[in-house]
Structures are given as C-alpha cells and as structure tokens.
Amino acid sequence: MLNSRKQQLEAFNRLLDIMDDLREKCPWDKKQTLESLRHLTIEEVYELGDAILDNDLEELKKELGDVLLHIVFYAKIGSEKKAFDIADIANAISDKLIDRHPHIYGDVSVENEEEVKQNWEKLKLKEGKKSVLEGVPRSLPALVKANRIQDKVAGVGFDWEEPHQVWEKVQEELNELNEEIKNGNQDDIEKEFGDVLFSMINYARFIKVNPENALERTNKKFINRFQYLEQKAKEAGKELSDMSLAEMDVFWNESKTYFK
C-alpha cells in the first residue's frame, strides 16, 4: 500500500534530519564539497538508468533514493554557504513548472505533446536564453547530446517533415562516408562517420526510438551473450583464445536462444 502525503512528508523530513546529523558528525560527509560529489552523482544517475532499462523496480527504488540523497546533500551544502536550501530548490522548480505550463496554469491552449514542447522552447527564449541550445549540457555523452540537440531545434520548427526524408539523409551520409573511405583521409573519414551517426540518431527520433536506450539494450544483450560463450567454453575446458571462430559461433548461436 502506498504512503499518504503526510507519511511522504514525514519520510522526507526524516531524510533531512539524517543529512544534518551526517554533515555534523560523520568524518566523510563533513569533508564533501559540491565538486567532490559531482562525479559520484553522475555515477548514481547512470546506475539509476541501468535499473530503468532492467525494469527492476526494487533496484529502481534504491537508486532513486541514492539520487535523492545527493540532492539533499547539495541543498545542505548550499544552506551552509547561505546560497540556497531545499525549500529554495523546490520552489524554484515549482515556479518553473508553472511558468512553463501556461496550458495548465494559464490561458494557453495546446492540441498535443508537440505543441507543448514548442511552447516550452519559446518560453525559455523569452526568459533570456540567447539560443535554444543553451540548455544542452556541454559534458553530456556525445550520443545523448546529439539527441538533445535535435530534439531542441525541432522544438522551434527546424526539422524534417517525414521519416523517409531523414532515412534518405542517412543513405546520403553513408555514401559520403564510403567515398571518404576510398580516398583514405582519416580525418575526413571521422567527420563523415560522425555525420552518419548524427543522421541515424535523428532518424531514431522520427521512429520514436531513444538511441541511448536502444544502444544500451544492445550492449547488455552482447554482454550476456558473450558471458554465456565464456561460461560454455569454460565448461568445455577450453580457452577462448584457443578456439576457432567456428567453435565460438556454436555457443554464440546458442546464446541467442536465451538473450534476445
């Protein structure tokens, strides 16, 4: 049974109290700074992403707790600096949500999700941003960044109209890559390969596939299949380095039955 709103607030207040205790009494927690927590927070978010892809709700609950702890930790440090506290954080995001949803809290009408996204980008420009791309973090992994760039420019109408147009662009970029491979200039090959990836990521958006999730699912599938191959080779008393590709393919093809 889910907790009541009162119980939820009590639980959150308990976490705030624990954070106060840790910051005061724990040698490790006392030493942490905004900078020292940064890489740990990034790691926690990736672990959260793994739990989501695995559809492991019990693990998801734990990883969400870890991320929430980091938010509370940053808020505690912010309060010590007299810059902000958890209330400021909650109020800031609440104000932003109200401002960015005039179709809920104002008199704007929208027909669908796409219009909501377009209004969102227009509102951000009115808030003083000089470019719709300012909201794309510089440190994002390249694949995720490409997806966010394309999503944001599409929000202001810079986009293809039909999926087949994007697929034709993919084919065009592949042809250009093949030409550069024939020419043998490594720098140009890398540029064209990047164009192919960028166009494929764009196509993924049109067919409603998240490219990061899709690639990570394939990564997990490959890992599972390869580890199956390693296990079967071990059971047969063989080292992979001593096996032929044909021998490894037997176990690899078996693995496809279990990991699809």
Protein backbone atom coordinates (compact mmCIF):
# COMPACT_ATOMS: atom_id res chain seq x y z
CA MET A 1 0.00 0.00 0.00
CA LEU A 2 1.31 3.44 -0.91
CA ASN A 3 2.08 6.04 1.74
CA SER A 4 -0.16 9.02 2.40
CA ARG A 5 1.03 12.55 1.64
CA LYS A 6 1.60 13.05 5.38
CA GLN A 7 3.77 9.93 5.53
CA GLN A 8 5.70 11.04 2.46
CA LEU A 9 6.46 14.42 4.04
CA GLU A 10 7.47 12.74 7.31
CA ALA A 11 9.84 10.45 5.42
CA PHE A 12 11.40 13.39 3.60
CA ASN A 13 11.77 15.31 6.86
CA ARG A 14 13.48 12.25 8.37
CA LEU A 15 15.99 12.27 5.49
CA LEU A 16 16.70 15.98 6.07
CA ASP A 17 17.33 15.29 9.77
CA ILE A 18 19.69 12.43 8.95
CA MET A 19 21.57 14.66 6.50
CA ASP A 20 22.01 17.25 9.25
CA ASP A 21 23.42 14.56 11.56
CA LEU A 22 25.80 13.16 8.95
CA ARG A 23 27.13 16.58 8.00
CA GLU A 24 27.83 17.35 11.63
CA LYS A 25 29.15 14.01 12.89
CA CYS A 26 30.47 11.82 10.04
CA PRO A 27 34.11 12.50 9.01
CA TRP A 28 33.46 11.52 5.38
CA ASP A 29 30.25 13.51 4.99
CA LYS A 30 31.81 16.57 6.65
CA LYS A 31 34.60 16.64 4.04
CA GLN A 32 32.37 16.58 0.95
CA THR A 33 32.02 19.60 -1.33
CA LEU A 34 29.91 20.40 -4.38
CA GLU A 35 32.89 19.43 -6.52
CA SER A 36 33.68 16.16 -4.72
CA LEU A 37 30.08 14.97 -5.02
CA ARG A 38 29.82 15.75 -8.75
CA HIS A 39 31.35 12.56 -10.16
CA LEU A 40 29.51 10.45 -7.58
CA THR A 41 26.20 12.00 -8.62
CA ILE A 42 26.90 11.23 -12.28
CA GLU A 43 27.66 7.61 -11.33
CA GLU A 44 24.42 7.35 -9.35
CA VAL A 45 22.37 8.65 -12.29
CA TYR A 46 23.92 6.01 -14.57
CA GLU A 47 23.06 3.33 -12.03
CA LEU A 48 19.51 4.68 -11.97
CA GLY A 49 19.46 4.40 -15.77
CA ASP A 50 20.56 0.76 -15.55
CA ALA A 51 17.71 -0.05 -13.16
CA ILE A 52 15.21 1.58 -15.51
CA LEU A 53 16.46 -0.39 -18.52
CA ASP A 54 16.41 -3.61 -16.49
CA ASN A 55 12.84 -2.81 -15.39
CA ASP A 56 13.93 -3.71 -11.86
CA LEU A 57 11.51 -1.72 -9.70
CA GLU A 58 13.07 -2.78 -6.40
CA GLU A 59 16.51 -1.66 -7.58
CA LEU A 60 14.93 1.48 -9.07
CA LYS A 61 13.59 2.43 -5.63
CA LYS A 62 17.09 2.10 -4.15
CA GLU A 63 18.78 4.08 -6.92
CA LEU A 64 16.19 6.86 -6.71
CA GLY A 65 16.99 7.05 -3.00
CA ASP A 66 20.68 7.47 -3.81
CA VAL A 67 19.91 10.30 -6.25
CA LEU A 68 17.56 11.94 -3.73
CA LEU A 69 20.30 11.77 -1.10
CA HIS A 70 22.62 13.67 -3.42
CA ILE A 71 20.01 16.39 -3.98
CA VAL A 72 19.56 16.76 -0.22
CA PHE A 73 23.34 16.78 0.20
CA TYR A 74 23.76 19.63 -2.31
CA ALA A 75 20.96 21.52 -0.59
CA LYS A 76 22.69 21.12 2.77
CA ILE A 77 25.97 22.46 1.39
CA GLY A 78 24.08 25.30 -0.28
CA SER A 79 22.49 26.26 3.03
CA GLU A 80 25.90 26.26 4.72
CA LYS A 81 27.08 28.69 2.05
CA LYS A 82 23.93 30.74 2.68
CA ALA A 83 23.16 30.41 -1.05
CA PHE A 84 20.05 28.21 -1.09
CA ASP A 85 18.33 25.39 0.79
CA ILE A 86 15.95 22.57 -0.08
CA ALA A 87 12.94 24.91 0.03
CA ASP A 88 14.58 27.25 -2.47
CA ILE A 89 15.25 24.28 -4.78
CA ALA A 90 11.66 23.02 -4.54
CA ASN A 91 10.18 26.49 -5.01
CA ALA A 92 12.44 27.24 -7.98
CA ILE A 93 11.39 24.11 -9.85
CA SER A 94 7.74 24.65 -8.90
CA ASP A 95 7.84 28.20 -10.24
CA LYS A 96 9.49 27.00 -13.44
CA LEU A 97 6.89 24.27 -13.96
CA ILE A 98 4.05 26.74 -13.51
CA ASP A 99 5.66 29.23 -15.91
CA ARG A 100 6.42 26.55 -18.50
CA HIS A 101 2.89 25.10 -18.42
CA PRO A 102 0.61 28.02 -19.34
CA HIS A 103 -1.79 25.47 -20.86
CA ILE A 104 -2.36 24.21 -17.29
CA TYR A 105 -1.85 27.33 -15.16
CA GLY A 106 -2.73 29.98 -17.74
CA ASP A 107 -4.98 30.59 -20.72
CA VAL A 108 -2.88 28.94 -23.47
CA SER A 109 -4.46 26.10 -25.46
CA VAL A 110 -2.49 23.20 -26.94
CA GLU A 111 -3.57 20.35 -29.18
CA ASN A 112 -0.86 17.78 -28.47
CA GLU A 113 2.51 16.95 -26.92
CA GLU A 114 4.43 18.52 -29.82
CA GLU A 115 2.82 21.92 -29.21
CA VAL A 116 3.74 21.66 -25.52
CA LYS A 117 7.40 21.10 -26.47
CA GLN A 118 7.37 24.00 -28.93
CA ASN A 119 5.88 26.34 -26.32
CA TRP A 120 8.48 25.16 -23.82
CA GLU A 121 11.37 26.22 -26.08
CA LYS A 122 9.74 29.57 -26.92
CA LEU A 123 9.22 30.32 -23.24
CA LYS A 124 12.87 29.59 -22.48
CA LEU A 125 13.95 32.13 -25.11
CA LYS A 126 11.64 34.70 -23.54
CA GLU A 127 13.36 34.04 -20.21
CA GLY A 128 16.58 35.45 -21.64
CA LYS A 129 18.31 32.48 -23.26
CA LYS A 130 20.05 33.51 -26.47
CA SER A 131 19.91 30.07 -28.06
CA VAL A 132 17.63 27.06 -27.75
CA LEU A 133 20.82 25.01 -27.48
CA GLU A 134 21.99 26.72 -24.28
CA GLY A 135 20.15 24.09 -22.27
CA VAL A 136 22.26 21.22 -23.66
CA PRO A 137 24.97 20.42 -21.06
CA ARG A 138 28.49 20.52 -22.52
CA SER A 139 29.52 17.41 -20.57
CA LEU A 140 26.77 15.14 -21.92
CA PRO A 141 27.99 11.99 -23.71
CA ALA A 142 28.08 12.68 -27.45
CA LEU A 143 25.22 10.33 -28.37
CA VAL A 144 22.88 11.79 -25.74
CA LYS A 145 23.97 15.32 -26.67
CA ALA A 146 23.18 14.75 -30.36
CA ASN A 147 19.71 13.52 -29.44
CA ARG A 148 19.04 16.54 -27.22
CA ILE A 149 20.35 18.98 -29.85
CA GLN A 150 18.00 17.55 -32.48
CA ASP A 151 15.07 17.49 -30.08
CA LYS A 152 15.57 21.12 -29.12
CA VAL A 153 15.92 22.54 -32.63
CA ALA A 154 12.87 20.53 -33.69
CA GLY A 155 11.00 22.31 -30.89
CA VAL A 156 11.32 25.60 -32.79
CA GLY A 157 10.44 24.11 -36.16
CA PHE A 158 13.92 23.27 -37.56
CA ASP A 159 13.10 19.74 -38.59
CA TRP A 160 12.31 17.32 -41.38
CA GLU A 161 8.67 16.71 -42.23
CA GLU A 162 8.61 12.96 -42.90
CA PRO A 163 10.66 9.95 -41.69
CA HIS A 164 11.54 8.92 -45.26
CA GLN A 165 13.35 12.25 -45.74
CA VAL A 166 15.55 11.50 -42.75
CA TRP A 167 16.23 7.98 -43.99
CA GLU A 168 17.29 9.39 -47.35
CA LYS A 169 19.70 11.65 -45.46
CA VAL A 170 21.13 8.60 -43.70
CA GLN A 171 21.73 6.96 -47.09
CA GLU A 172 23.36 10.15 -48.39
CA GLU A 173 25.71 10.31 -45.41
CA LEU A 174 26.61 6.61 -45.80
CA ASN A 175 27.53 7.20 -49.44
CA GLU A 176 29.71 10.16 -48.45
CA LEU A 177 31.41 8.02 -45.80
CA ASN A 178 32.13 5.30 -48.36
CA GLU A 179 33.69 7.88 -50.68
CA GLU A 180 36.00 9.15 -47.95
CA ILE A 181 36.98 5.58 -47.05
CA LYS A 182 38.05 5.14 -50.67
CA ASN A 183 40.01 8.41 -50.51
CA GLY A 184 41.77 7.22 -47.36
CA ASN A 185 41.91 10.52 -45.46
CA GLN A 186 41.38 9.51 -41.83
CA ASP A 187 40.27 12.96 -40.66
CA ASP A 188 37.58 13.17 -43.37
CA ILE A 189 36.51 9.58 -42.64
CA GLU A 190 35.97 10.51 -38.99
CA LYS A 191 33.93 13.58 -39.95
CA GLU A 192 31.69 11.59 -42.29
CA PHE A 193 31.31 8.80 -39.75
CA GLY A 194 30.11 11.43 -37.26
CA ASP A 195 27.60 12.67 -39.84
CA VAL A 196 26.29 9.12 -40.27
CA LEU A 197 25.82 8.72 -36.52
CA PHE A 198 24.14 12.13 -36.23
CA SER A 199 21.71 11.30 -39.05
CA MET A 200 20.94 7.88 -37.53
CA ILE A 201 20.20 9.48 -34.17
CA ASN A 202 17.89 11.90 -35.94
CA TYR A 203 16.12 9.03 -37.69
CA ALA A 204 15.69 7.28 -34.34
CA ARG A 205 13.73 10.31 -33.12
CA PHE A 206 11.38 10.06 -36.09
CA ILE A 207 10.65 6.39 -35.48
CA LYS A 208 10.21 7.13 -31.74
CA VAL A 209 13.29 5.23 -30.56
CA ASN A 210 15.57 6.61 -27.87
CA PRO A 211 19.03 5.92 -29.34
CA GLU A 212 20.79 5.83 -25.97
CA ASN A 213 18.33 3.25 -24.62
CA ALA A 214 18.47 1.25 -27.84
CA LEU A 215 22.28 1.09 -27.86
CA GLU A 216 22.46 0.25 -24.16
CA ARG A 217 19.97 -2.60 -24.65
CA THR A 218 22.22 -3.93 -27.40
CA ASN A 219 25.27 -3.53 -25.13
CA LYS A 220 23.56 -5.55 -22.41
CA LYS A 221 22.48 -8.21 -24.90
CA PHE A 222 26.02 -8.54 -26.26
CA ILE A 223 27.49 -8.77 -22.74
CA ASN A 224 25.02 -11.51 -21.77
CA ARG A 225 25.70 -13.48 -24.94
CA PHE A 226 29.47 -13.15 -24.66
CA GLN A 227 29.45 -14.17 -21.00
CA TYR A 228 27.36 -17.20 -21.98
CA LEU A 229 30.05 -18.03 -24.55
CA GLU A 230 32.77 -17.66 -21.90
CA GLN A 231 30.89 -19.90 -19.47
CA LYS A 232 30.28 -22.62 -22.06
CA ALA A 233 33.92 -22.55 -23.15
CA LYS A 234 34.98 -22.89 -19.51
CA GLU A 235 32.62 -25.85 -19.04
CA ALA A 236 34.19 -27.46 -22.10
CA GLY A 237 37.65 -26.91 -20.62
CA LYS A 238 38.70 -24.51 -23.37
CA GLU A 239 40.18 -21.02 -23.54
CA LEU A 240 38.54 -18.60 -25.96
CA SER A 241 41.94 -17.63 -27.31
CA ASP A 242 42.49 -21.25 -28.36
CA MET A 243 39.11 -21.68 -30.05
CA SER A 244 38.34 -21.01 -33.70
CA LEU A 245 35.61 -18.58 -34.68
CA ALA A 246 33.55 -21.53 -35.91
CA GLU A 247 33.77 -23.18 -32.49
CA MET A 248 32.83 -19.95 -30.72
CA ASP A 249 29.92 -19.42 -33.10
CA VAL A 250 28.30 -22.64 -31.86
CA PHE A 251 28.00 -21.26 -28.33
CA TRP A 252 27.25 -17.74 -29.61
CA ASN A 253 24.28 -19.01 -31.61
CA GLU A 254 23.09 -20.98 -28.57
CA SER A 255 23.18 -17.78 -26.51
CA LYS A 256 20.69 -16.12 -28.86
CA THR A 257 18.03 -18.52 -27.58
CA TYR A 258 18.41 -17.11 -24.07
CA PHE A 259 19.28 -13.48 -24.71
CA LYS A 260 17.21 -11.76 -27.40
